[in-house]
Amino acid sequence: MTPAQTPASPALKQRSVETRSAFANQDTAASKQAHDDTLKDWEEDGHGEGDAAVEVYRRVDALQAGLCLAILLESAFGDTLERRKLVAIGLCLATAHALREWTTQTWYARHYYRERQREEWELENYAQGERAEMVGLWCFKGLTRPDAERAIDLLASYKKFFVDLMMTEELRMFAPSDHAGKRRVTGALLVAFGCVAPLMLGGGVDSLYGSLSHFPSLWCARLVTCGSATSALAFTGAWRAATSRLSEQRHALEAAGLGAACFLVPRLLL
């Protein structure tokens, strides 16, 4: 199993802010100072920014999957099925999506640890062959053979580190999370919430509109469901972009465009 990540210290978090700001401004002096000031924190805490960003991306992906389901269902069946059945279908689809994610990650974990055991066994029984494979790989990536051989000879003396390196460099496989179960449950709940909440909101507003107005509400539920889900897609797109310091407006518009596509496709095909 991979070691648990140590939470980043406040100094390390500040370092991330300062180095990213220095990059954005192309300020080499500020970048050097940010690195030098927090070298000790880096050594003690490890670097958790990448893991934090991946976790945000996972949650955004799960929530957006549910939101897209809500728009698709509303567009395809909002005017033919009663709201209770529509929500039930949404829950069924969200459950199927969650189960598929769960089994996919379970299968990947089995595959990863099987391959890791194989690499450990090969390194134990024929270290020279494993080193030669890594030397060849790094030569292919641009290192000279003498440099690659010196680097691999040094790194291979740290067995666990070298196995980790072979998994990522040779097999392009990364260790499953230590908190995989929690991530899967969180993802399933986010998919279900993203799907059900807009559908229920549309149904609730539609019922309220019908009780207060004498005019027909043919598109009331559809407008509220698809509008709220598309707005949520735009918000989560901006949230994702903010995590990577990318353009929030651009990603919000792209996510909203995804919502529009989910609405139009059933209207064109059904």
Protein backbone atom coordinates (compact mmCIF):
# COMPACT_ATOMS: atom_id res chain seq x y z
CA MET A 1 0.00 0.00 0.00
CA THR A 2 1.11 3.58 -0.53
CA PRO A 3 1.92 5.66 2.55
CA ALA A 4 -0.74 8.08 3.70
CA GLN A 5 -0.20 11.67 2.65
CA THR A 6 0.84 14.03 5.41
CA PRO A 7 -1.26 17.21 5.41
CA ALA A 8 0.67 20.13 4.01
CA SER A 9 1.78 22.76 6.49
CA PRO A 10 0.60 26.39 6.21
CA ALA A 11 4.11 27.33 5.08
CA LEU A 12 3.98 24.78 2.27
CA LYS A 13 0.57 25.97 1.16
CA GLN A 14 1.90 29.53 1.11
CA ARG A 15 4.85 28.31 -0.94
CA SER A 16 2.46 26.93 -3.55
CA VAL A 17 0.66 30.25 -3.76
CA GLU A 18 3.91 32.17 -4.11
CA THR A 19 5.49 29.89 -6.70
CA ARG A 20 2.35 29.90 -8.85
CA SER A 21 2.17 33.67 -8.60
CA ALA A 22 5.83 33.92 -9.59
CA PHE A 23 5.19 31.72 -12.63
CA ALA A 24 2.15 33.76 -13.66
CA ASN A 25 4.27 36.94 -13.49
CA GLN A 26 7.40 35.27 -14.91
CA ASP A 27 9.26 36.53 -11.84
CA THR A 28 12.33 34.31 -11.44
CA ALA A 29 13.57 36.10 -8.32
CA ALA A 30 10.25 35.59 -6.53
CA SER A 31 10.20 31.95 -7.59
CA LYS A 32 13.72 31.37 -6.19
CA GLN A 33 12.83 33.03 -2.91
CA ALA A 34 9.60 31.02 -2.55
CA HIS A 35 11.50 27.77 -3.10
CA ASP A 36 14.37 28.62 -0.76
CA ASP A 37 12.19 29.92 2.08
CA THR A 38 10.17 26.70 2.38
CA LEU A 39 12.74 24.01 1.58
CA LYS A 40 12.51 22.62 5.12
CA ASP A 41 8.70 22.41 4.97
CA TRP A 42 8.94 20.62 1.63
CA GLU A 43 11.23 18.00 3.13
CA GLU A 44 9.05 17.46 6.19
CA ASP A 45 5.56 17.57 4.72
CA GLY A 46 5.84 16.32 1.18
CA HIS A 47 3.98 18.02 -1.62
CA GLY A 48 0.22 17.61 -1.36
CA GLU A 49 -0.94 20.13 -3.94
CA GLY A 50 -1.21 17.55 -6.70
CA ASP A 51 -3.30 15.19 -4.59
CA ALA A 52 -5.60 18.03 -3.54
CA ALA A 53 -6.15 19.04 -7.17
CA VAL A 54 -6.88 15.44 -8.19
CA GLU A 55 -9.44 15.14 -5.39
CA VAL A 56 -11.22 18.30 -6.56
CA TYR A 57 -11.24 16.94 -10.12
CA ARG A 58 -12.74 13.64 -8.95
CA ARG A 59 -15.54 15.39 -7.10
CA VAL A 60 -16.25 17.76 -9.96
CA ASP A 61 -16.36 14.86 -12.42
CA ALA A 62 -18.84 12.94 -10.25
CA LEU A 63 -21.08 15.95 -9.70
CA GLN A 64 -21.02 16.89 -13.39
CA ALA A 65 -21.91 13.33 -14.38
CA GLY A 66 -25.07 13.60 -12.27
CA LEU A 67 -25.92 17.03 -13.62
CA CYS A 68 -25.61 15.79 -17.20
CA LEU A 69 -27.89 12.86 -16.39
CA ALA A 70 -30.50 15.25 -14.99
CA ILE A 71 -30.49 17.37 -18.16
CA LEU A 72 -30.65 14.33 -20.42
CA LEU A 73 -33.59 12.85 -18.51
CA GLU A 74 -35.48 16.12 -18.37
CA SER A 75 -34.96 16.78 -22.05
CA ALA A 76 -35.89 13.25 -23.12
CA PHE A 77 -38.75 12.35 -20.76
CA GLY A 78 -39.69 15.45 -18.78
CA ASP A 79 -42.95 15.92 -20.65
CA THR A 80 -43.98 12.25 -20.73
CA LEU A 81 -43.12 10.78 -17.32
CA GLU A 82 -44.33 11.83 -13.92
CA ARG A 83 -41.71 13.40 -11.69
CA ARG A 84 -41.49 10.46 -9.27
CA LYS A 85 -40.58 8.06 -12.06
CA LEU A 86 -38.13 10.54 -13.53
CA VAL A 87 -36.32 10.84 -10.20
CA ALA A 88 -36.38 7.05 -9.78
CA ILE A 89 -34.77 6.57 -13.19
CA GLY A 90 -32.16 9.17 -12.25
CA LEU A 91 -31.33 7.26 -9.07
CA CYS A 92 -31.08 4.00 -11.02
CA LEU A 93 -28.68 5.54 -13.53
CA ALA A 94 -26.63 7.19 -10.79
CA THR A 95 -26.42 3.86 -8.96
CA ALA A 96 -25.30 2.09 -12.14
CA HIS A 97 -22.67 4.77 -12.73
CA ALA A 98 -21.41 4.46 -9.15
CA LEU A 99 -21.23 0.67 -9.34
CA ARG A 100 -19.30 0.86 -12.60
CA GLU A 101 -16.82 3.30 -11.06
CA TRP A 102 -16.49 1.11 -7.98
CA THR A 103 -15.76 -2.05 -9.95
CA THR A 104 -13.43 -0.24 -12.36
CA GLN A 105 -11.32 1.11 -9.51
CA THR A 106 -11.37 -2.25 -7.74
CA TRP A 107 -10.14 -3.99 -10.90
CA TYR A 108 -7.44 -1.36 -11.38
CA ALA A 109 -6.21 -1.82 -7.80
CA ARG A 110 -5.96 -5.58 -8.30
CA HIS A 111 -4.11 -5.08 -11.57
CA TYR A 112 -1.75 -2.51 -10.04
CA TYR A 113 -0.73 -4.65 -7.07
CA ARG A 114 -0.39 -7.73 -9.25
CA GLU A 115 1.97 -5.83 -11.54
CA ARG A 116 3.85 -4.40 -8.58
CA GLN A 117 4.37 -7.87 -7.15
CA ARG A 118 5.70 -8.97 -10.52
CA GLU A 119 8.13 -6.06 -10.71
CA GLU A 120 9.32 -6.74 -7.15
CA TRP A 121 9.84 -10.41 -7.97
CA GLU A 122 11.73 -9.63 -11.17
CA LEU A 123 13.93 -7.10 -9.39
CA GLU A 124 14.66 -9.66 -6.68
CA ASN A 125 15.48 -12.45 -9.13
CA TYR A 126 17.10 -10.56 -12.02
CA ALA A 127 18.04 -7.05 -10.96
CA GLN A 128 20.43 -6.60 -13.88
CA GLY A 129 17.62 -7.13 -16.40
CA GLU A 130 15.32 -4.65 -14.65
CA ARG A 131 18.06 -2.06 -14.54
CA ALA A 132 18.80 -2.59 -18.22
CA GLU A 133 15.12 -2.03 -19.07
CA MET A 134 15.09 1.29 -17.23
CA VAL A 135 18.38 2.35 -18.79
CA GLY A 136 16.98 1.62 -22.24
CA LEU A 137 13.77 3.52 -21.46
CA TRP A 138 15.62 6.60 -20.27
CA CYS A 139 17.95 6.49 -23.27
CA PHE A 140 14.85 6.46 -25.44
CA LYS A 141 13.62 9.54 -23.56
CA GLY A 142 16.81 11.45 -24.31
CA LEU A 143 19.45 10.60 -21.70
CA THR A 144 22.86 9.44 -22.81
CA ARG A 145 23.62 5.83 -21.91
CA PRO A 146 26.39 6.70 -19.41
CA ASP A 147 24.11 9.18 -17.61
CA ALA A 148 21.20 6.74 -17.61
CA GLU A 149 23.38 3.94 -16.25
CA ARG A 150 24.77 6.12 -13.46
CA ALA A 151 21.30 7.32 -12.48
CA ILE A 152 19.76 3.83 -12.52
CA ASP A 153 22.68 2.31 -10.58
CA LEU A 154 22.08 4.85 -7.82
CA LEU A 155 18.28 4.67 -7.76
CA ALA A 156 18.18 0.87 -7.89
CA SER A 157 20.00 0.74 -4.56
CA TYR A 158 16.72 1.98 -3.00
CA LYS A 159 14.53 -1.01 -3.72
CA LYS A 160 11.07 0.37 -2.84
CA PHE A 161 11.76 3.67 -4.56
CA PHE A 162 13.03 1.87 -7.65
CA VAL A 163 9.92 -0.32 -7.83
CA ASP A 164 7.78 2.83 -7.55
CA LEU A 165 9.83 4.34 -10.36
CA MET A 166 9.39 1.30 -12.59
CA MET A 167 5.63 1.35 -12.02
CA THR A 168 5.32 4.96 -13.14
CA GLU A 169 8.07 5.18 -15.76
CA GLU A 170 7.87 1.74 -17.34
CA LEU A 171 4.21 0.75 -16.85
CA ARG A 172 2.65 4.23 -16.52
CA MET A 173 0.67 3.02 -13.51
CA PHE A 174 0.05 5.02 -10.35
CA ALA A 175 -0.78 3.60 -6.94
CA PRO A 176 -4.46 3.54 -5.92
CA SER A 177 -5.47 5.87 -3.13
CA ASP A 178 -5.30 4.71 0.48
CA HIS A 179 -8.79 6.22 0.87
CA ALA A 180 -10.35 4.52 -2.16
CA GLY A 181 -13.50 3.41 -0.31
CA LYS A 182 -14.24 6.91 0.95
CA ARG A 183 -13.64 8.36 -2.51
CA ARG A 184 -16.02 5.89 -4.11
CA VAL A 185 -18.80 6.57 -1.63
CA THR A 186 -18.33 10.33 -1.99
CA GLY A 187 -18.37 10.03 -5.78
CA ALA A 188 -21.55 7.95 -5.75
CA LEU A 189 -23.32 10.45 -3.51
CA LEU A 190 -22.24 13.37 -5.70
CA VAL A 191 -23.52 11.67 -8.87
CA ALA A 192 -26.85 10.94 -7.19
CA PHE A 193 -27.14 14.46 -5.80
CA GLY A 194 -26.22 16.07 -9.12
CA CYS A 195 -28.89 14.04 -10.90
CA VAL A 196 -31.74 14.11 -8.38
CA ALA A 197 -31.52 17.67 -7.02
CA PRO A 198 -32.27 19.49 -10.32
CA LEU A 199 -35.07 17.04 -11.17
CA MET A 200 -36.74 17.53 -7.79
CA LEU A 201 -36.23 21.29 -7.96
CA GLY A 202 -37.88 21.40 -11.38
CA GLY A 203 -40.79 19.31 -10.15
CA GLY A 204 -41.23 21.42 -7.03
CA VAL A 205 -41.23 24.72 -8.88
CA ASP A 206 -43.58 23.28 -11.48
CA SER A 207 -46.07 22.21 -8.77
CA LEU A 208 -45.85 25.61 -7.10
CA TYR A 209 -46.31 27.40 -10.41
CA GLY A 210 -49.35 25.29 -11.22
CA SER A 211 -51.00 26.11 -7.91
CA LEU A 212 -50.40 29.85 -8.26
CA SER A 213 -51.02 30.45 -11.94
CA HIS A 214 -53.87 29.91 -14.37
CA PHE A 215 -51.46 29.64 -17.29
CA PRO A 216 -50.07 26.32 -18.56
CA SER A 217 -46.59 25.37 -17.35
CA LEU A 218 -45.49 23.17 -20.23
CA TRP A 219 -41.84 24.18 -19.95
CA CYS A 220 -41.62 25.29 -16.33
CA ALA A 221 -40.08 22.09 -14.91
CA ARG A 222 -37.82 21.69 -17.94
CA LEU A 223 -36.58 25.26 -17.69
CA VAL A 224 -35.86 25.02 -13.97
CA THR A 225 -34.22 21.57 -14.11
CA CYS A 226 -32.04 22.25 -17.12
CA GLY A 227 -31.31 25.82 -16.09
CA SER A 228 -30.24 24.91 -12.57
CA ALA A 229 -28.17 21.94 -13.76
CA THR A 230 -26.47 24.01 -16.46
CA SER A 231 -25.72 26.76 -13.94
CA ALA A 232 -24.24 24.16 -11.61
CA LEU A 233 -22.14 22.79 -14.47
CA ALA A 234 -20.79 26.29 -15.13
CA PHE A 235 -20.00 26.76 -11.43
CA THR A 236 -18.19 23.44 -11.14
CA GLY A 237 -16.29 24.16 -14.34
CA ALA A 238 -15.04 27.40 -12.83
CA TRP A 239 -14.23 25.57 -9.58
CA ARG A 240 -12.13 23.05 -11.46
CA ALA A 241 -10.33 25.82 -13.33
CA ALA A 242 -9.59 27.71 -10.12
CA THR A 243 -7.87 24.61 -8.76
CA SER A 244 -5.40 24.69 -11.66
CA ARG A 245 -5.25 28.50 -11.92
CA LEU A 246 -6.80 28.40 -15.38
CA SER A 247 -9.36 30.76 -16.89
CA GLU A 248 -12.53 30.36 -14.82
CA GLN A 249 -14.72 32.12 -17.40
CA ARG A 250 -13.59 29.86 -20.23
CA HIS A 251 -14.12 26.65 -18.27
CA ALA A 252 -17.48 27.85 -16.97
CA LEU A 253 -18.65 28.52 -20.53
CA GLU A 254 -17.36 25.15 -21.75
CA ALA A 255 -19.18 23.36 -18.93
CA ALA A 256 -22.37 25.29 -19.68
CA GLY A 257 -21.97 24.27 -23.32
CA LEU A 258 -21.88 20.66 -22.15
CA GLY A 259 -25.24 21.21 -20.47
CA ALA A 260 -26.66 22.69 -23.66
CA ALA A 261 -25.44 19.68 -25.64
CA CYS A 262 -27.05 17.28 -23.15
CA PHE A 263 -30.33 19.11 -23.67
CA LEU A 264 -30.17 19.24 -27.46
CA VAL A 265 -29.09 15.68 -28.23
CA PRO A 266 -32.31 14.01 -26.97
CA ARG A 267 -34.41 16.66 -28.71
CA LEU A 268 -32.71 15.83 -32.00
CA LEU A 269 -32.60 12.03 -31.69
CA LEU A 270 -35.84 11.15 -29.89
